[in-house]
C-alpha atoms as a PDB file:
ATOM      1  CA  MET A   1      91.987  74.610  87.127  1.00  0.00           C
ATOM      2  CA  ALA A   2      95.137  74.588  89.329  1.00  0.00           C
ATOM      3  CA  ARG A   3      94.658  73.696  92.972  1.00  0.00           C
ATOM      4  CA  LEU A   4      96.842  74.789  95.860  1.00  0.00           C
ATOM      5  CA  ILE A   5      96.193  73.477  99.357  1.00  0.00           C
ATOM      6  CA  ILE A   6      97.715  75.507 102.269  1.00  0.00           C
ATOM      7  CA  ASN A   7      97.001  74.886 105.948  1.00  0.00           C
ATOM      8  CA  ASN A   8      93.892  72.847 105.255  1.00  0.00           C
ATOM      9  CA  MET A   9      92.538  75.437 102.899  1.00  0.00           C
ATOM     10  CA  GLU A  10      92.263  75.092  99.143  1.00  0.00           C
ATOM     11  CA  GLN A  11      93.185  78.088  96.985  1.00  0.00           C
ATOM     12  CA  ILE A  12      91.474  78.594  93.674  1.00  0.00           C
ATOM     13  CA  LYS A  13      91.189  81.468  91.253  1.00  0.00           C
ATOM     14  CA  VAL A  14      87.640  82.673  90.420  1.00  0.00           C
ATOM     15  CA  LYS A  15      86.201  85.624  88.488  1.00  0.00           C
ATOM     16  CA  LEU A  16      84.331  88.381  90.262  1.00  0.00           C
ATOM     17  CA  ARG A  17      80.897  88.778  88.768  1.00  0.00           C
ATOM     18  CA  LYS A  18      78.038  91.247  89.105  1.00  0.00           C
ATOM     19  CA  TRP A  19      75.215  89.926  91.210  1.00  0.00           C
ATOM     20  CA  GLY A  20      72.458  92.507  91.675  1.00  0.00           C
ATOM     21  CA  ASN A  21      74.060  95.473  93.511  1.00  0.00           C
ATOM     22  CA  SER A  22      76.888  93.263  94.743  1.00  0.00           C
ATOM     23  CA  ILE A  23      79.775  91.290  93.405  1.00  0.00           C
ATOM     24  CA  GLY A  24      79.919  87.546  93.780  1.00  0.00           C
ATOM     25  CA  VAL A  25      82.088  84.516  92.975  1.00  0.00           C
ATOM     26  CA  ILE A  26      81.107  81.128  91.712  1.00  0.00           C
ATOM     27  CA  ILE A  27      82.932  78.217  93.256  1.00  0.00           C
ATOM     28  CA  PRO A  28      83.092  75.052  91.046  1.00  0.00           C
ATOM     29  CA  GLN A  29      81.124  72.085  92.312  1.00  0.00           C
ATOM     30  CA  GLU A  30      84.186  69.849  92.290  1.00  0.00           C
ATOM     31  CA  THR A  31      86.029  72.259  94.507  1.00  0.00           C
ATOM     32  CA  LEU A  32      83.159  72.273  97.030  1.00  0.00           C
ATOM     33  CA  LYS A  33      83.087  68.507  97.041  1.00  0.00           C
ATOM     34  CA  SER A  34      86.859  68.294  97.580  1.00  0.00           C
ATOM     35  CA  VAL A  35      86.626  70.472 100.694  1.00  0.00           C
ATOM     36  CA  ASN A  36      83.363  68.855 101.855  1.00  0.00           C
ATOM     37  CA  LYS A  37      81.242  72.050 101.656  1.00  0.00           C
ATOM     38  CA  LYS A  38      77.740  72.488 100.377  1.00  0.00           C
ATOM     39  CA  GLU A  39      75.221  75.235  99.669  1.00  0.00           C
ATOM     40  CA  GLY A  40      74.280  77.255 102.715  1.00  0.00           C
ATOM     41  CA  GLU A  41      77.429  76.614 104.642  1.00  0.00           C
ATOM     42  CA  ILE A  42      79.553  79.558 105.770  1.00  0.00           C
ATOM     43  CA  ILE A  43      83.094  79.712 104.415  1.00  0.00           C
ATOM     44  CA  GLU A  44      85.936  82.198 104.859  1.00  0.00           C
ATOM     45  CA  VAL A  45      87.169  84.106 101.873  1.00  0.00           C
ATOM     46  CA  LEU A  46      90.613  85.760 101.951  1.00  0.00           C
ATOM     47  CA  ILE A  47      91.080  88.684  99.581  1.00  0.00           C
ATOM     48  CA  PRO A  48      94.713  89.809  98.989  1.00  0.00           C
ATOM     49  CA  VAL A  49      95.316  93.454  99.524  1.00  0.00           C
ATOM     50  CA  GLN A  50      97.378  95.098  96.779  1.00  0.00           C
ATOM     51  CA  ASN A  51      99.552  97.886  98.077  1.00  0.00           C
ATOM     52  CA  ASP A  52     101.484 100.057  95.616  1.00  0.00           C
ATOM     53  CA  ASN A  53     104.012 101.130  98.210  1.00  0.00           C
ATOM     54  CA  VAL A  54     105.381  97.789  99.519  1.00  0.00           C
ATOM     55  CA  LEU A  55     108.580  99.283 100.980  1.00  0.00           C
ATOM     56  CA  LYS A  56     106.691 101.913 102.947  1.00  0.00           C
ATOM     57  CA  GLU A  57     104.378  99.175 104.243  1.00  0.00           C
ATOM     58  CA  MET A  58     107.378  97.014 105.291  1.00  0.00           C
ATOM     59  CA  PHE A  59     109.582  99.697 106.805  1.00  0.00           C
ATOM     60  CA  GLY A  60     107.160 102.537 107.564  1.00  0.00           C
ATOM     61  CA  THR A  61     108.278 106.129 107.210  1.00  0.00           C
ATOM     62  CA  PHE A  62     111.853 106.550 108.366  1.00  0.00           C
ATOM     63  CA  LYS A  63     113.402 109.977 109.111  1.00  0.00           C
ATOM     64  CA  PHE A  64     117.106 110.125 108.252  1.00  0.00           C
ATOM     65  CA  LYS A  65     119.392 112.564 110.068  1.00  0.00           C
ATOM     66  CA  LYS A  66     121.087 113.410 106.765  1.00  0.00           C
ATOM     67  CA  PRO A  67     119.501 114.076 103.382  1.00  0.00           C
ATOM     68  CA  VAL A  68     119.196 110.859 101.328  1.00  0.00           C
ATOM     69  CA  ASP A  69     121.233 112.210  98.467  1.00  0.00           C
ATOM     70  CA  LYS A  70     124.164 112.810 100.862  1.00  0.00           C
ATOM     71  CA  ILE A  71     123.899 109.324 102.249  1.00  0.00           C
ATOM     72  CA  MET A  72     123.870 107.902  98.684  1.00  0.00           C
ATOM     73  CA  LYS A  73     126.980 109.898  97.791  1.00  0.00           C
ATOM     74  CA  GLU A  74     128.780 108.549 100.933  1.00  0.00           C
ATOM     75  CA  ILE A  75     127.767 104.987  99.974  1.00  0.00           C
ATOM     76  CA  ASP A  76     129.050 105.510  96.397  1.00  0.00           C
ATOM     77  CA  LYS A  77     132.332 106.915  97.715  1.00  0.00           C
ATOM     78  CA  GLU A  78     132.714 103.989 100.141  1.00  0.00           C
ATOM     79  CA  LEU A  79     131.970 101.417  97.373  1.00  0.00           C
ATOM     80  CA  ASP A  80     134.400 103.107  94.991  1.00  0.00           C
ATOM     81  CA  GLY A  81     137.222 102.735  97.570  1.00  0.00           C
ATOM     82  CA  LYS A  82     136.548  98.976  97.838  1.00  0.00           C
ATOM     83  CA  ARG A  83     136.880  98.346  94.109  1.00  0.00           C
END
């Protein structure tokens, strides 16, 4: 298993598993030993959020004064002049 340690936290990949009406993860014993944790202790779990629209998340919704196709034609025309 590959280990990655970032800011005093160890990153591991584990499989989500059904546990009653919930979903759980199993953390290998050697990982718990390496971070000095044991059963019953509270730990933090970070779950990455997957967003299909990364550009919208980064830049938000931006309203242009001109239609996008007109802007693209202007850019193409400007680039053709520089070639």
